[in-house]
Amino acid sequence: MPLLESYITDRRERALLELLSAPQHLGLAMIAPPGVPEELTRILRRSDLNMVNGKDYRDEAIKRGFDVGRPNTGEELADYVANKLMTFPAETIREYRDYVERQ
């Protein structure tokens, strides 16, 4: 089945769709404050990935009706935020906020 984004050719509309789908891409990400030492960041990322890949966690998520696809690694999430979400033009973000606030 084709994805909606394959039908959108306008750059502004594609950017808005990307912003609207960001929560699904990010999932239930754990976020730490700025300045966390690199070693602790690696430990937290590895622990989170081990948890969400665990059978008990996945079984409970399914039981509660959550979609349990492939979990994103911390590195993938950081890359997505830095190279995708942080690069949207201010006008696109304003338009997105206007839309979300009307809902």
Protein backbone atom coordinates (compact mmCIF):
# COMPACT_ATOMS: atom_id res chain seq x y z
CA MET A 1 0.00 0.00 0.00
CA PRO A 2 1.49 3.38 -0.97
CA LEU A 3 2.27 5.81 1.81
CA LEU A 4 0.62 9.23 1.88
CA GLU A 5 4.00 10.93 1.56
CA SER A 6 4.52 9.33 -1.85
CA TYR A 7 1.63 11.45 -3.20
CA ILE A 8 2.80 14.78 -1.81
CA THR A 9 5.08 16.74 -4.10
CA ASP A 10 4.87 20.21 -2.54
CA ARG A 11 7.92 20.79 -0.26
CA ARG A 12 5.91 22.76 2.30
CA GLU A 13 3.24 20.09 2.55
CA ARG A 14 5.89 17.34 2.85
CA ALA A 15 7.52 19.25 5.72
CA LEU A 16 4.18 19.65 7.49
CA LEU A 17 3.46 15.94 7.09
CA GLU A 18 6.90 15.14 8.53
CA LEU A 19 6.18 17.31 11.57
CA LEU A 20 2.75 15.72 12.03
CA SER A 21 4.26 12.23 11.93
CA ALA A 22 7.21 13.04 14.22
CA PRO A 23 5.52 11.65 17.37
CA GLN A 24 5.05 8.28 15.65
CA HIS A 25 8.69 8.29 14.58
CA LEU A 26 9.95 9.23 18.03
CA GLY A 27 7.70 6.83 19.90
CA LEU A 28 8.07 6.82 23.66
CA ALA A 29 11.61 8.10 23.67
CA MET A 30 13.50 8.64 26.91
CA ILE A 31 15.06 12.06 27.10
CA ALA A 32 17.92 13.10 29.38
CA PRO A 33 18.98 16.65 30.20
CA PRO A 34 21.82 18.33 28.31
CA GLY A 35 25.33 17.65 29.53
CA VAL A 36 24.89 13.97 30.47
CA PRO A 37 28.34 12.33 30.22
CA GLU A 38 28.88 10.28 27.06
CA GLU A 39 29.43 7.00 28.94
CA LEU A 40 26.19 7.43 30.90
CA THR A 41 24.35 8.24 27.66
CA ARG A 42 25.64 4.98 26.14
CA ILE A 43 24.55 3.02 29.22
CA LEU A 44 21.06 4.59 29.21
CA ARG A 45 20.62 3.98 25.48
CA ARG A 46 21.74 0.35 25.74
CA SER A 47 19.50 -0.25 28.78
CA ASP A 48 16.47 1.29 27.09
CA LEU A 49 17.01 -0.77 23.93
CA ASN A 50 17.40 -3.96 25.99
CA MET A 51 14.17 -3.15 27.84
CA VAL A 52 12.04 -2.44 24.77
CA ASN A 53 13.38 -5.56 23.05
CA GLY A 54 12.54 -7.73 26.06
CA LYS A 55 9.75 -10.28 25.77
CA ASP A 56 7.92 -9.11 28.92
CA TYR A 57 7.92 -5.49 27.77
CA ARG A 58 6.75 -6.36 24.25
CA ASP A 59 4.03 -8.72 25.54
CA GLU A 60 2.71 -6.03 27.90
CA ALA A 61 2.79 -3.39 25.16
CA ILE A 62 0.81 -5.64 22.81
CA LYS A 63 -1.66 -6.42 25.60
CA ARG A 64 -2.21 -2.66 26.08
CA GLY A 65 -2.70 -2.11 22.34
CA PHE A 66 0.61 -0.41 21.52
CA ASP A 67 2.29 -0.86 18.16
CA VAL A 68 5.56 -2.69 18.78
CA GLY A 69 7.57 -2.38 15.63
CA ARG A 70 11.34 -2.17 15.59
CA PRO A 71 12.52 0.17 18.34
CA ASN A 72 14.68 3.14 17.38
CA THR A 73 18.14 3.32 18.90
CA GLY A 74 19.16 6.43 20.82
CA GLU A 75 21.58 7.28 18.04
CA GLU A 76 18.80 7.06 15.44
CA LEU A 77 16.55 9.33 17.50
CA ALA A 78 19.32 11.87 18.09
CA ASP A 79 20.10 11.89 14.37
CA TYR A 80 16.41 12.32 13.46
CA VAL A 81 16.04 15.28 15.82
CA ALA A 82 19.30 16.95 14.78
CA ASN A 83 19.08 16.37 11.03
CA LYS A 84 15.35 16.46 10.45
CA LEU A 85 13.32 18.20 13.15
CA MET A 86 15.85 20.94 13.84
CA THR A 87 16.14 21.88 10.17
CA PHE A 88 12.58 22.94 9.42
CA PRO A 89 12.13 26.60 8.42
CA ALA A 90 10.50 28.82 11.07
CA GLU A 91 7.52 29.43 8.76
CA THR A 92 6.80 25.69 8.52
CA ILE A 93 6.93 25.35 12.31
CA ARG A 94 4.56 28.32 12.70
CA GLU A 95 2.12 26.77 10.24
CA TYR A 96 2.36 23.42 12.06
CA ARG A 97 1.71 25.08 15.43
CA ASP A 98 -1.29 26.97 14.04
CA TYR A 99 -2.74 23.70 12.75
CA VAL A 100 -2.10 21.74 15.96
CA GLU A 101 -3.52 24.47 18.19
CA ARG A 102 -6.77 24.50 16.16
CA GLN A 103 -7.29 20.75 16.72
